Protein backbone atom coordinates (compact mmCIF):
# COMPACT_ATOMS: atom_id res chain seq x y z
CA MET A 1 0.00 0.00 0.00
CA THR A 2 1.53 3.29 -1.14
CA LYS A 3 1.14 6.60 0.52
CA LYS A 4 1.37 9.85 -1.37
CA LYS A 5 0.51 13.04 0.49
CA LYS A 6 -0.87 16.08 -1.25
CA LYS A 7 -2.50 18.98 0.60
CA ILE A 8 -5.55 20.13 -1.35
CA ILE A 9 -7.93 23.04 -0.74
CA ILE A 10 -11.34 21.88 -1.83
CA ILE A 11 -13.41 24.47 -3.72
CA SER A 12 -16.01 22.07 -4.97
CA ALA A 13 -16.72 18.30 -4.98
CA ILE A 14 -16.09 18.13 -8.73
CA SER A 15 -12.71 19.84 -8.39
CA ALA A 16 -11.78 17.43 -5.56
CA ALA A 17 -12.58 14.39 -7.73
CA VAL A 18 -10.35 15.65 -10.52
CA ILE A 19 -7.54 16.34 -8.11
CA ALA A 20 -7.96 12.88 -6.50
CA ALA A 21 -7.70 11.12 -9.83
CA ALA A 22 -4.46 12.94 -10.56
CA ALA A 23 -2.95 12.34 -7.13
CA GLY A 24 -3.05 8.51 -7.00
CA THR A 25 -3.92 6.28 -4.03
CA ALA A 26 -3.56 8.75 -1.13
CA LEU A 27 -5.49 11.99 -0.90
CA TRP A 28 -5.98 14.78 1.55
CA LEU A 29 -9.60 15.89 1.48
CA LEU A 30 -11.16 18.65 3.54
CA PHE A 31 -14.79 18.11 4.55
CA GLY A 32 -16.57 20.17 7.18
CA GLY A 33 -13.41 20.91 9.05
CA HIS A 34 -12.11 17.23 8.92
CA GLU A 35 -9.15 16.55 6.76
CA HIS A 36 -9.37 12.91 5.30
CA PHE A 37 -6.18 11.10 4.44
CA MET A 38 -7.55 8.50 2.00
CA LEU A 39 -5.74 5.20 1.48
CA SER A 40 -6.67 2.92 -1.44
CA VAL A 41 -7.15 -0.83 -0.79
CA ARG A 42 -7.02 -2.95 -3.93
CA ALA A 43 -9.54 -5.67 -4.74
CA LYS A 44 -8.53 -9.29 -3.94
CA ASN A 45 -10.23 -12.42 -5.22
CA ALA A 46 -11.56 -14.94 -2.76
CA THR A 47 -10.02 -18.39 -2.68
CA CYS A 48 -11.34 -21.76 -1.57
CA THR A 49 -10.32 -21.10 2.01
CA GLU A 50 -9.76 -17.34 2.29
CA ASP A 51 -12.10 -14.37 1.85
CA GLY A 52 -11.40 -11.73 -0.73
CA ASN A 53 -12.49 -8.09 -0.89
CA THR A 54 -13.71 -5.43 -3.26
CA ALA A 55 -11.63 -2.31 -3.86
CA TYR A 56 -12.31 0.45 -1.26
CA TRP A 57 -10.87 3.55 0.40
CA ARG A 58 -10.12 4.12 4.08
CA CYS A 59 -9.27 7.30 5.93
CA GLU A 60 -6.16 6.79 7.96
CA ASP A 61 -7.12 9.47 10.43
CA CYS A 62 -10.78 8.74 11.19
CA GLY A 63 -10.81 5.04 10.23
CA LYS A 64 -13.92 5.25 8.09
CA TYR A 65 -14.39 3.19 4.90
CA PHE A 66 -15.59 4.53 1.59
CA SER A 67 -16.43 2.96 -1.75
CA ASP A 68 -15.14 6.02 -3.60
CA SER A 69 -12.02 8.12 -3.52
CA LEU A 70 -13.98 11.34 -2.71
CA GLY A 71 -15.23 9.91 0.58
CA GLU A 72 -18.87 10.57 -0.34
CA ASN A 73 -20.15 6.94 0.03
CA GLU A 74 -19.30 5.62 3.45
CA ILE A 75 -19.43 1.80 3.88
CA SER A 76 -18.59 -0.77 6.54
CA LEU A 77 -15.64 -3.11 6.25
CA GLY A 78 -18.06 -6.01 6.01
CA ASP A 79 -19.47 -4.51 2.84
CA THR A 80 -16.10 -5.14 1.14
CA VAL A 81 -15.85 -8.85 2.01
CA ILE A 82 -16.08 -11.48 -0.78
CA PRO A 83 -16.68 -14.82 1.00
CA ALA A 84 -14.31 -17.77 0.44
CA THR A 85 -15.65 -19.99 -2.34
CA GLY A 86 -15.00 -23.31 -0.60
CA HIS A 87 -13.47 -26.37 -2.33
CA HIS A 88 -15.11 -27.87 -5.42
CA PRO A 89 -13.19 -31.13 -5.81
CA GLN A 90 -13.49 -33.44 -8.81
CA LEU A 91 -12.78 -37.17 -8.61
CA VAL A 92 -9.57 -38.39 -10.29
CA GLU A 93 -9.81 -42.09 -11.10
CA ARG A 94 -7.17 -44.59 -10.02
CA VAL A 95 -4.47 -45.35 -12.62
CA GLU A 96 -2.41 -48.48 -12.18
CA ALA A 97 1.36 -48.12 -12.46
CA ALA A 98 3.15 -49.67 -15.43
CA CYS A 99 6.69 -51.02 -15.67
CA THR A 100 8.21 -47.64 -16.46
CA VAL A 101 5.33 -45.19 -15.79
CA ALA A 102 4.01 -44.25 -12.33
CA GLY A 103 0.28 -44.50 -11.58
CA ASN A 104 -1.93 -42.88 -8.92
CA ILE A 105 -4.55 -43.78 -6.35
CA ALA A 106 -8.10 -42.44 -6.68
CA TYR A 107 -8.31 -38.92 -5.15
CA TRP A 108 -10.21 -35.60 -5.27
CA HIS A 109 -8.68 -32.57 -6.93
CA CYS A 110 -9.81 -28.96 -6.45
CA GLU A 111 -9.14 -26.74 -9.47
CA GLY A 112 -9.65 -23.58 -7.39
CA CYS A 113 -6.68 -24.13 -5.10
CA ASP A 114 -4.96 -26.97 -6.97
CA GLY A 115 -5.25 -29.05 -3.81
CA ASN A 116 -5.58 -32.84 -3.61
CA PHE A 117 -7.72 -34.66 -1.05
CA ALA A 118 -8.57 -38.19 0.02
CA ASP A 119 -12.28 -37.37 0.45
CA GLU A 120 -14.96 -35.50 -1.46
CA GLY A 121 -15.40 -33.15 1.49
CA ALA A 122 -11.79 -32.01 1.04
CA THR A 123 -10.95 -32.52 4.70
CA GLN A 124 -8.00 -34.89 4.21
CA PRO A 125 -5.29 -33.26 2.12
CA LEU A 126 -2.85 -35.47 0.22
CA THR A 127 0.74 -34.85 -0.95
CA GLU A 128 1.99 -35.80 -4.39
CA GLU A 129 3.99 -38.61 -2.80
CA GLN A 130 0.85 -40.02 -1.16
CA ILE A 131 -1.03 -39.97 -4.45
CA ALA A 132 1.64 -41.57 -6.62
CA ILE A 133 1.97 -45.33 -7.22
CA ALA A 134 5.60 -46.02 -8.13
CA ALA A 135 6.43 -47.66 -11.47
CA SER A 136 6.69 -51.41 -10.94
CA GLY A 137 9.80 -51.99 -13.03
CA HIS A 138 10.17 -54.78 -15.58
CA ALA A 139 9.76 -58.42 -14.56
CA TRP A 140 12.36 -60.01 -16.83
CA ASP A 141 12.30 -63.71 -17.52
CA GLN A 142 15.42 -65.92 -17.45
CA GLY A 143 16.24 -64.97 -21.01
CA GLU A 144 16.92 -67.06 -24.07
CA VAL A 145 20.11 -67.26 -26.08
CA THR A 146 19.20 -65.79 -29.45
CA LYS A 147 22.74 -65.76 -30.81
CA GLU A 148 25.35 -68.25 -29.72
CA PRO A 149 28.82 -66.84 -29.01
CA ASP A 150 31.79 -68.42 -30.70
CA CYS A 151 35.51 -68.17 -30.19
CA VAL A 152 35.82 -64.64 -31.60
CA ASN A 153 32.27 -63.22 -31.78
CA VAL A 154 30.02 -62.20 -28.89
CA GLY A 155 26.61 -63.81 -28.54
CA GLU A 156 23.29 -62.39 -27.41
CA ARG A 157 20.67 -63.25 -24.80
CA THR A 158 17.13 -61.82 -25.11
CA TYR A 159 14.85 -61.18 -22.12
CA ILE A 160 11.06 -60.60 -22.20
CA CYS A 161 9.11 -58.68 -19.52
CA ALA A 162 6.21 -60.73 -18.12
CA ASN A 163 4.14 -57.56 -17.59
CA CYS A 164 4.54 -55.55 -20.76
CA THR A 165 6.29 -57.92 -23.24
CA GLN A 166 9.07 -55.39 -23.78
CA THR A 167 12.41 -57.02 -24.63
CA LYS A 168 16.02 -56.30 -23.83
CA THR A 169 19.26 -57.92 -24.95
CA GLU A 170 22.57 -58.56 -23.25
CA SER A 171 25.86 -59.55 -24.80
CA ILE A 172 27.39 -62.94 -24.09
CA ALA A 173 31.18 -62.79 -24.05
CA ALA A 174 33.10 -64.53 -26.81
CA LEU A 175 34.36 -67.92 -25.69
CA ASN A 176 37.96 -67.42 -26.84
CA HIS A 177 39.90 -70.24 -28.43
CA ASP A 178 40.53 -73.45 -26.51
CA TYR A 179 43.76 -74.76 -27.96
CA SER A 180 43.53 -78.12 -26.21
CA VAL A 181 43.53 -80.39 -29.26
CA THR A 182 46.75 -81.62 -30.81
CA ASP A 183 46.71 -82.63 -34.44
CA TYR A 184 49.57 -83.81 -36.59
CA SER A 185 50.70 -84.83 -40.02
CA GLU A 186 53.45 -87.19 -40.98
CA THR A 187 56.10 -84.60 -40.21
CA GLU A 188 54.54 -81.92 -37.99
CA HIS A 189 52.18 -81.31 -35.10
CA TRP A 190 50.22 -78.28 -33.93
CA LYS A 191 47.53 -77.10 -31.51
CA GLU A 192 43.94 -76.61 -32.62
CA CYS A 193 40.90 -75.04 -30.98
CA SER A 194 38.52 -77.73 -29.72
CA ARG A 195 35.53 -75.64 -30.84
CA CYS A 196 36.35 -74.11 -34.20
CA GLY A 197 39.49 -75.91 -35.33
CA ASP A 198 41.57 -72.74 -35.54
CA GLU A 199 45.30 -73.41 -35.46
CA GLU A 200 47.22 -71.70 -32.66
CA ASN A 201 49.83 -69.29 -33.95
CA GLY A 202 53.35 -70.50 -33.35
CA SER A 203 52.29 -74.00 -32.27
CA ARG A 204 53.32 -75.82 -35.45
CA ALA A 205 56.53 -77.79 -34.99
CA TYR A 206 58.25 -80.80 -36.49
CA HIS A 207 57.98 -84.07 -34.66
CA ALA A 208 60.59 -84.83 -32.02
CA PHE A 209 60.51 -88.60 -32.00
CA VAL A 210 61.29 -90.45 -28.80
CA ALA A 211 62.43 -94.04 -29.20
CA ASP A 212 61.55 -96.90 -26.86
CA SER A 213 61.79 -100.64 -27.13
CA SER A 214 58.68 -101.11 -29.23
CA ILE A 215 57.76 -97.89 -31.04
CA ASN A 216 59.14 -94.57 -32.21
CA ALA A 217 56.69 -91.77 -31.53
CA CYS A 218 56.44 -88.06 -30.83
CA ASP A 219 54.98 -86.73 -27.60
CA CYS A 220 52.06 -85.45 -29.66
CA GLY A 221 50.97 -89.03 -30.35
CA ALA A 222 52.23 -89.28 -33.91
CA GLU A 223 53.82 -92.61 -34.67
CA ILE A 224 56.76 -92.71 -37.04
CA VAL A 225 56.27 -94.55 -40.32
CA TYR A 226 59.70 -95.57 -41.51
CA SER A 227 60.62 -95.15 -45.13
CA GLN A 228 60.41 -98.42 -47.00
CA GLY A 229 62.58 -99.70 -49.85
CA LEU A 230 65.86 -98.12 -48.71
CA GLU A 231 69.14 -99.94 -49.36
CA TYR A 232 71.45 -100.93 -46.50
CA THR A 233 74.91 -102.47 -46.18
CA TYR A 234 76.29 -103.98 -43.00
CA SER A 235 79.63 -102.50 -41.84
CA ALA A 236 81.59 -104.82 -39.59
CA GLU A 237 84.00 -101.98 -38.81
CA ASP A 238 81.18 -99.77 -37.54
CA GLU A 239 79.17 -102.71 -36.15
CA GLY A 240 76.04 -101.39 -37.78
CA TYR A 241 74.25 -100.68 -41.04
CA MET A 242 75.00 -97.91 -43.48
CA VAL A 243 72.20 -96.53 -45.68
CA THR A 244 73.63 -96.84 -49.17
CA GLY A 245 70.79 -95.65 -51.40
CA ALA A 246 67.16 -94.69 -51.83
CA GLY A 247 66.38 -97.99 -53.52
CA SER A 248 62.69 -98.09 -54.38
CA PHE A 249 61.76 -95.29 -51.97
CA ARG A 250 60.14 -92.32 -53.76
CA GLY A 251 58.55 -90.34 -50.92
CA GLN A 252 59.01 -86.73 -49.82
CA ASN A 253 59.56 -87.48 -46.13
CA LEU A 254 62.58 -89.58 -45.29
CA PHE A 255 62.39 -91.41 -41.94
CA ILE A 256 65.37 -93.71 -41.41
CA PRO A 257 64.82 -96.32 -38.69
CA GLN A 258 67.05 -96.71 -35.67
CA THR A 259 67.73 -100.38 -36.36
CA TYR A 260 67.74 -102.68 -39.37
CA ASN A 261 67.98 -106.42 -39.97
CA ASP A 262 69.07 -107.70 -43.38
CA GLY A 263 68.24 -111.27 -42.44
CA THR A 264 71.88 -112.29 -42.48
CA ASN A 265 73.80 -110.10 -40.08
CA GLY A 266 71.02 -109.70 -37.54
CA GLU A 267 69.52 -106.53 -36.09
CA HIS A 268 71.89 -103.62 -35.51
CA ASN A 269 71.76 -99.86 -35.29
CA VAL A 270 71.81 -97.75 -38.44
CA VAL A 271 75.09 -95.86 -37.94
CA GLY A 272 75.56 -93.71 -41.04
CA ILE A 273 74.61 -92.47 -44.50
CA SER A 274 76.96 -93.64 -47.22
CA ALA A 275 78.51 -91.39 -49.86
CA THR A 276 76.10 -90.38 -52.65
CA ALA A 277 73.27 -92.38 -51.00
CA PHE A 278 70.60 -89.78 -51.86
CA ARG A 279 72.48 -87.77 -54.47
CA TYR A 280 70.09 -85.73 -56.67
CA GLU A 281 66.97 -86.99 -54.82
CA SER A 282 65.25 -83.63 -55.39
CA ALA A 283 61.83 -84.94 -54.29
CA LEU A 284 62.93 -85.09 -50.66
CA VAL A 285 61.40 -82.37 -48.45
CA PHE A 286 61.74 -83.62 -44.86
CA VAL A 287 64.72 -85.63 -43.56
CA ARG A 288 64.77 -87.10 -40.07
CA LEU A 289 67.74 -89.20 -38.98
CA PRO A 290 67.87 -91.40 -35.82
CA ASP A 291 70.22 -90.52 -32.96
CA CYS A 292 72.36 -93.62 -33.56
CA ILE A 293 73.75 -92.19 -36.81
CA THR A 294 77.27 -90.86 -36.23
CA LYS A 295 78.39 -89.88 -39.74
CA ILE A 296 77.04 -88.51 -43.01
CA GLU A 297 79.51 -89.23 -45.79
CA GLN A 298 80.58 -87.22 -48.84
CA ASP A 299 77.85 -86.14 -51.27
CA ALA A 300 75.23 -88.07 -49.24
CA PHE A 301 72.49 -85.52 -49.99
CA PHE A 302 74.23 -83.68 -52.84
CA TYR A 303 71.87 -81.38 -54.70
CA CYS A 304 68.72 -82.51 -52.94
CA THR A 305 67.20 -79.18 -53.88
CA GLY A 306 63.78 -79.84 -52.31
CA ILE A 307 64.88 -80.43 -48.70
CA GLU A 308 63.24 -77.81 -46.47
CA VAL A 309 63.58 -79.47 -43.07
CA LEU A 310 66.66 -81.34 -41.87
CA SER A 311 66.67 -82.99 -38.44
CA LEU A 312 70.26 -83.91 -37.58
CA PRO A 313 70.63 -86.52 -34.79
CA ASP A 314 72.13 -85.78 -31.38
CA GLY A 315 74.74 -88.53 -31.79
CA LEU A 316 76.11 -87.20 -35.10
CA GLU A 317 79.89 -86.62 -35.12
CA ARG A 318 80.97 -85.96 -38.72
CA ILE A 319 79.42 -84.25 -41.74
CA GLU A 320 81.72 -84.94 -44.66
CA ASP A 321 82.55 -82.86 -47.76
CA ASN A 322 79.61 -81.72 -49.89
CA ALA A 323 77.20 -83.76 -47.76
CA PHE A 324 74.38 -81.24 -48.26
CA TYR A 325 75.83 -79.25 -51.14
CA GLY A 326 73.19 -77.39 -53.16
CA CYS A 327 70.23 -78.05 -50.85
CA GLN A 328 68.73 -74.79 -52.02
CA SER A 329 65.42 -74.97 -50.11
CA LEU A 330 67.03 -75.44 -46.71
CA VAL A 331 66.32 -72.39 -44.51
CA GLN A 332 67.52 -73.38 -41.05
CA ILE A 333 69.74 -76.05 -39.50
CA THR A 334 70.75 -76.97 -35.98
CA ILE A 335 74.20 -78.51 -35.54
CA PRO A 336 74.17 -80.85 -32.49
CA ALA A 337 76.82 -80.44 -29.82
CA SER A 338 78.13 -83.91 -30.70
CA VAL A 339 79.38 -82.78 -34.14
CA SER A 340 83.16 -82.29 -34.30
CA TYR A 341 83.74 -81.95 -38.05
CA ILE A 342 81.99 -80.21 -40.94
CA GLY A 343 83.67 -80.98 -44.27
CA GLU A 344 84.52 -78.64 -47.09
CA GLY A 345 81.43 -77.53 -48.98
CA ALA A 346 79.15 -79.49 -46.63
CA PHE A 347 76.48 -76.77 -46.89
CA ALA A 348 77.82 -74.79 -49.83
CA GLN A 349 75.26 -73.41 -52.27
CA CYS A 350 72.48 -73.75 -49.69
CA LEU A 351 71.37 -70.35 -50.91
CA SER A 352 68.18 -70.07 -48.78
CA LEU A 353 69.98 -70.83 -45.51
CA GLN A 354 69.33 -68.00 -43.06
CA SER A 355 70.15 -69.52 -39.70
CA ALA A 356 72.64 -72.10 -38.47
CA THR A 357 72.33 -72.76 -34.77
CA PHE A 358 75.29 -74.48 -33.12
CA GLU A 359 74.37 -76.14 -29.85
CA ASN A 360 78.04 -75.77 -28.88
CA PRO A 361 79.34 -72.74 -30.81
CA VAL A 362 82.84 -72.51 -29.26
CA GLY A 363 86.04 -74.41 -29.97
CA TRP A 364 85.74 -74.46 -33.76
CA THR A 365 88.49 -73.72 -36.25
CA GLY A 366 88.26 -73.19 -40.00
CA GLY A 367 90.91 -72.18 -42.50
CA GLY A 368 93.43 -72.08 -39.66
CA GLU A 369 91.42 -69.54 -37.70
CA THR A 370 89.29 -69.77 -34.61
CA VAL A 371 85.61 -69.52 -35.56
CA ASP A 372 82.79 -68.25 -33.36
CA PHE A 373 79.42 -69.74 -34.32
CA GLY A 374 77.51 -67.81 -31.66
CA ASP A 375 75.46 -65.82 -34.18
CA PRO A 376 73.12 -68.13 -36.20
CA ALA A 377 72.90 -65.71 -39.13
CA ALA A 378 76.67 -65.19 -39.24
CA ALA A 379 77.23 -68.94 -38.85
CA ALA A 380 75.01 -69.58 -41.85
CA GLU A 381 77.10 -67.19 -43.93
CA LEU A 382 80.29 -68.96 -42.91
CA ILE A 383 79.19 -72.49 -43.68
CA ILE A 384 77.61 -71.47 -47.01
CA GLN A 385 81.13 -70.31 -48.00
CA GLY A 386 82.06 -74.01 -48.02
CA LYS A 387 85.08 -74.07 -45.73
CA ALA A 388 85.82 -77.07 -43.57
CA PHE A 389 85.39 -76.59 -39.83
CA SER A 390 86.60 -78.82 -37.02
CA LYS A 391 86.53 -78.95 -33.28
CA GLU A 392 89.45 -80.92 -31.93
CA GLU A 393 88.29 -80.70 -28.35
CA ARG A 394 84.59 -80.33 -27.48
CA ASN A 395 83.71 -78.22 -24.44
C-alpha cells in the first residue's frame, strides 16, 4: 500500500474528484473541518479457504471506509468482504502403475486451489507422494540365447518382460579359443581349438621322436612310419648298417629307422649315411635321422634341392665334404653339440639358408682360424662359404 501526500484546498466536490484522480492512491480531502487522508485498498479475489475483498478507500485518520475516492459513500468493512468460495473437488480415477510409468490412487482434486484430497469433502489433504503409485519396473524372464557366441564373436541373450512384453538384450562374451587339441601330419604337429578348429599361432613344430623298445613316436601321439625300400649295407667296422641308397623309396619325407635287420647279419643300429646315397633326390622335403647315426659321408644328400627341413641326430659326429651341397630350399639347420667336423662344402650353395644354430658354438676352427658360431645368421654365412670346420676338443 503506497502513501502519497498532497495537501488540497477543496473548492467544490467536482474539483476534488479531478484532483484525487491525478494524485493517485492517497489523498488529503477537507470536509466540514475534517481533513481525510484517504488510502486505497485494492480488490482481492476470494479463494477456496480465504475471503477476498472489493476495492475500497479508508481514511487513515478517522478510520472510516468509503467505496469512492472522494469519501462521499461511506461503507462498513463487512461490505467489502467477498466470502471464500469453498473447495469444489473433482474425482480423479485410479491409474495403475506400469513397468516404467508411475500410476496414482483415486483422489479428489480442487481446481480452485490446486489441492488434492482423500475425500470428497476435502478434509483430508494429500501430498503428491501419497497420491503416486511407483512404477513397478520390468519383470524379466530368465532370457533365451538368441545368438550363440563363438571363439571370436560375442553372442546375445534376449529377455522378455512378463508384464509388458518389452524385450532387452545382453551380450554374451566370446568364448575365446581353446587350444587343447593336438593334431599332426606325418612330419609336424600343432595345436587346434577344440571348438572351431583354428590353429594356434606359433604352435606348429616338427615331430621330435622319442624311441623306446617297441615304437618310435612323438609326444604329440604321432607314430613314425619308416621309409620303405631303402638300401642298407652292413659294416663290420662300424658294427652297424649304413644306408647306401634310396632304392625303391620315392617319398618326400625320409624317416630312417634306428635299427635294421638284413636277415643275415642280424639286427643292428643304423650308424651312417653312405657317400652319394641320396644324391640328386630332389623330391625329398623332410629328412629325419635317428640318434644312432654318427656320420654322413661325402655327397650323401648332394643337390637334394627340395629339402626344407633337416633334423640332424644328437649322436652325429661328422658331416663330410659336400654332404648337403646345393640343398637350395634349406632355410635353417641346428648342428648338435656332438658334431666335431663339418667338411669342405658341406652346406655350400644352400642359398636359402638364413640360420645355423650351433648347440656348442665354441672351440671351432676353419681355415686355420678360430671360428665363433655364436650368431646363427653369421654362422650360416660362414658355412655357405664351403670351408671345412673342425673342433678338436669339445667343451
